[in-house]
Protein backbone atom coordinates (compact mmCIF):
# COMPACT_ATOMS: atom_id res chain seq x y z
CA MET A 1 -9.82 8.61 -31.22
CA ASN A 2 -9.09 4.99 -30.36
CA THR A 3 -10.37 4.50 -26.80
CA GLN A 4 -8.75 1.06 -26.68
CA LEU A 5 -5.30 2.64 -27.02
CA ILE A 6 -6.22 5.17 -24.32
CA ALA A 7 -7.26 2.32 -22.03
CA TYR A 8 -3.94 0.56 -22.63
CA GLY A 9 -2.09 3.81 -22.01
CA LEU A 10 -3.91 4.17 -18.69
CA LEU A 11 -3.00 0.57 -17.81
CA ALA A 12 0.64 1.38 -18.60
CA ALA A 13 0.40 4.39 -16.27
CA LEU A 14 -1.08 2.11 -13.61
CA ALA A 15 1.79 -0.35 -14.03
CA ILE A 16 4.29 2.49 -13.60
CA ALA A 17 2.47 3.76 -10.51
CA VAL A 18 2.42 0.29 -8.94
CA LEU A 19 6.11 -0.18 -9.76
CA TYR A 20 6.82 3.16 -8.10
CA ALA A 21 4.77 2.07 -5.08
CA GLY A 22 6.87 -1.08 -4.84
CA ILE A 23 10.11 0.87 -4.99
CA THR A 24 9.05 3.39 -2.34
CA ASP A 25 7.67 0.60 -0.16
CA LEU A 26 11.01 -1.20 -0.36
CA ARG A 27 13.13 1.90 0.26
CA HIS A 28 11.03 3.80 2.79
CA ARG A 29 8.42 1.28 3.98
CA LYS A 30 5.73 3.72 2.91
CA ILE A 31 3.21 4.00 0.10
CA THR A 32 1.95 7.56 0.04
CA ASN A 33 -1.66 8.66 0.11
CA ARG A 34 -0.91 10.87 -2.88
CA LEU A 35 0.07 7.87 -4.98
CA THR A 36 -2.83 5.63 -3.94
CA GLY A 37 -5.20 8.58 -4.32
CA ALA A 38 -3.94 9.25 -7.85
CA ILE A 39 -4.43 5.59 -8.76
CA ALA A 40 -7.98 5.65 -7.38
CA ILE A 41 -8.88 8.97 -9.01
CA ALA A 42 -7.64 7.78 -12.42
CA ALA A 43 -9.86 4.66 -12.35
CA PRO A 44 -12.96 6.43 -13.77
CA LEU A 45 -10.89 7.49 -16.79
CA PHE A 46 -10.10 3.82 -17.37
CA TRP A 47 -13.76 2.88 -16.92
CA ILE A 48 -14.76 5.37 -19.61
CA ALA A 49 -11.95 4.39 -22.00
CA SER A 50 -12.68 0.69 -21.61
CA GLY A 51 -16.45 1.19 -22.04
CA LEU A 52 -17.43 -0.08 -18.59
CA GLN A 53 -21.15 0.39 -17.95
CA LEU A 54 -22.49 1.93 -14.76
CA TRP A 55 -24.52 -1.19 -13.98
CA PRO A 56 -23.22 -3.73 -13.24
CA GLY A 57 -19.61 -2.92 -14.25
CA ILE A 58 -18.77 0.20 -12.24
CA ALA A 59 -20.98 -0.95 -9.36
CA ILE A 60 -18.99 -4.19 -9.17
CA GLN A 61 -15.68 -2.29 -9.16
CA LEU A 62 -16.89 -0.05 -6.34
CA ALA A 63 -18.23 -3.00 -4.33
CA LEU A 64 -14.95 -4.86 -4.82
CA ALA A 65 -12.98 -1.85 -3.58
CA VAL A 66 -15.20 -1.38 -0.52
CA GLY A 67 -15.10 -5.10 0.25
CA TRP A 68 -11.33 -5.19 -0.03
CA PHE A 69 -10.97 -2.08 2.12
CA VAL A 70 -13.02 -3.68 4.91
CA PHE A 71 -11.02 -6.91 4.67
CA GLY A 72 -7.76 -4.97 4.45
CA ALA A 73 -8.71 -2.90 7.51
CA VAL A 74 -9.05 -6.16 9.45
CA LEU A 75 -5.63 -7.29 8.20
CA PHE A 76 -4.19 -3.91 9.20
CA ARG A 77 -5.80 -4.12 12.64
CA ILE A 78 -4.26 -7.51 13.36
CA GLY A 79 -0.86 -6.36 12.07
CA GLN A 80 -0.73 -8.45 8.91
CA MET A 81 -0.67 -5.61 6.40
CA GLY A 82 0.35 -1.97 6.38
CA GLY A 83 -2.06 0.88 5.80
CA GLY A 84 -0.42 1.90 2.54
CA ASP A 85 -0.72 -1.66 1.25
CA VAL A 86 -4.43 -1.74 2.11
CA LYS A 87 -4.98 1.56 0.29
CA LEU A 88 -2.95 0.41 -2.72
CA PHE A 89 -4.99 -2.77 -3.11
CA THR A 90 -8.21 -0.82 -2.60
CA ALA A 91 -7.21 1.50 -5.45
CA LEU A 92 -6.28 -1.49 -7.61
CA ALA A 93 -9.71 -3.00 -6.97
CA LEU A 94 -11.17 -0.03 -8.83
CA TRP A 95 -9.17 -0.94 -11.92
CA LEU A 96 -9.05 -4.71 -12.17
CA GLU A 97 -11.91 -7.03 -13.01
CA PRO A 98 -12.79 -9.14 -9.95
CA SER A 99 -11.16 -12.37 -11.16
CA LEU A 100 -7.92 -10.59 -12.09
CA PHE A 101 -7.94 -8.64 -8.82
CA MET A 102 -8.36 -11.82 -6.78
CA MET A 103 -5.56 -13.48 -8.75
CA VAL A 104 -3.29 -10.49 -8.11
CA VAL A 105 -4.13 -10.55 -4.38
CA LEU A 106 -3.60 -14.31 -4.11
CA LEU A 107 -0.32 -14.31 -6.03
CA THR A 108 0.91 -11.26 -4.11
CA MET A 109 0.27 -13.05 -0.83
CA ILE A 110 2.15 -16.12 -2.09
CA VAL A 111 5.09 -14.10 -3.43
CA ASN A 112 5.22 -12.09 -0.22
CA GLY A 113 5.12 -15.30 1.85
CA VAL A 114 8.07 -16.72 -0.07
CA ALA A 115 9.94 -13.42 0.31
CA THR A 116 9.22 -13.46 4.05
CA LEU A 117 10.66 -16.97 4.34
CA ILE A 118 13.80 -15.89 2.48
CA VAL A 119 14.24 -12.85 4.74
CA TRP A 120 13.51 -14.91 7.86
CA ARG A 121 16.11 -17.49 6.82
CA GLY A 122 18.71 -14.78 6.26
CA VAL A 123 18.01 -13.24 9.67
CA ARG A 124 18.31 -16.64 11.36
CA ARG A 125 21.59 -17.36 9.59
CA ALA A 126 23.01 -13.98 10.57
CA ARG A 127 22.01 -14.46 14.20
CA ARG A 128 23.62 -17.94 14.28
CA GLU A 129 26.81 -16.37 12.99
CA GLY A 130 26.67 -13.93 15.89
CA ARG A 131 25.72 -10.86 13.90
CA LYS A 132 23.08 -8.61 15.36
CA VAL A 133 20.29 -8.10 12.84
CA GLU A 134 16.86 -6.67 13.15
CA ALA A 135 14.05 -8.79 11.76
CA ARG A 136 12.07 -6.86 9.16
CA SER A 137 8.79 -7.51 7.48
CA THR A 138 8.66 -7.82 3.73
CA PRO A 139 6.70 -5.05 2.02
CA TYR A 140 3.60 -6.06 0.05
CA GLY A 141 4.17 -3.19 -2.40
CA VAL A 142 7.18 -4.97 -3.90
CA SER A 143 5.30 -8.24 -4.29
CA ALA A 144 2.28 -6.41 -5.72
CA ALA A 145 4.46 -4.64 -8.29
CA LEU A 146 6.08 -7.87 -9.44
CA VAL A 147 2.78 -9.72 -9.67
CA MET A 148 1.02 -6.83 -11.43
CA LEU A 149 3.71 -6.55 -14.10
CA VAL A 150 3.58 -10.28 -14.82
CA MET A 151 -0.23 -10.38 -14.77
CA PHE A 152 -0.47 -7.36 -17.07
CA ALA A 153 1.95 -8.96 -19.53
CA ILE A 154 -0.11 -12.17 -19.54
CA ARG A 155 -3.56 -10.54 -19.56
CA TYR A 156 -3.04 -7.53 -21.80
CA GLY A 157 0.17 -8.23 -23.76
CA PRO A 158 -1.40 -9.98 -26.76
CA ALA A 159 -4.26 -7.47 -26.92
CA VAL A 160 -1.88 -4.51 -26.80
CA HIS A 161 0.17 -6.03 -29.60
CA THR A 162 -2.98 -6.49 -31.68
CA ALA A 163 -4.16 -2.95 -30.94
CA PHE A 164 -0.87 -1.44 -32.05
CA SER A 165 -0.54 -3.75 -35.05
CA GLY A 166 -4.02 -2.81 -36.21
CA SER A 167 -3.31 0.91 -36.04
CA SER A 168 -1.66 2.95 -38.77
CA THR A 169 1.71 2.75 -37.03
CA ASN A 170 3.27 -0.65 -36.56
CA PHE A 171 5.50 -0.81 -33.49
CA ALA A 172 6.33 -4.52 -33.85
């Protein structure tokens, strides 16, 4: 069995889960423990399929997740990030190599900052026009989903194409 195809299938499942997290975060302002738990629990399957070694590979992933959780807990404590967002990024840290994870975090923060400015501008405009609007925060889950989909396309797109082209079935 081609473990590379299994790894890409697991990454596709991760992309779907993160997209679902973004949608539920936008609609309900909540990312469930069940979803973040499922993402975290599936990470060892990805480690096995991608051939990640216990040392230093898996140890690095675990350290990255713990480090992010501590940092995210501080962000949660000072009101800069929701608990579901912290748990989502912690689960993602189990999947993504450190450089890709940091890029996803950085780009998510930038995208979310731009989205916040857009929302803030709309609220200000509405208030100037005399409409009563409640200021709302922008959910990180949406930004994370957008960034993850773009980053996955850039990082894994060519490799997935090669993996499928090299197999007996050509999907191109």
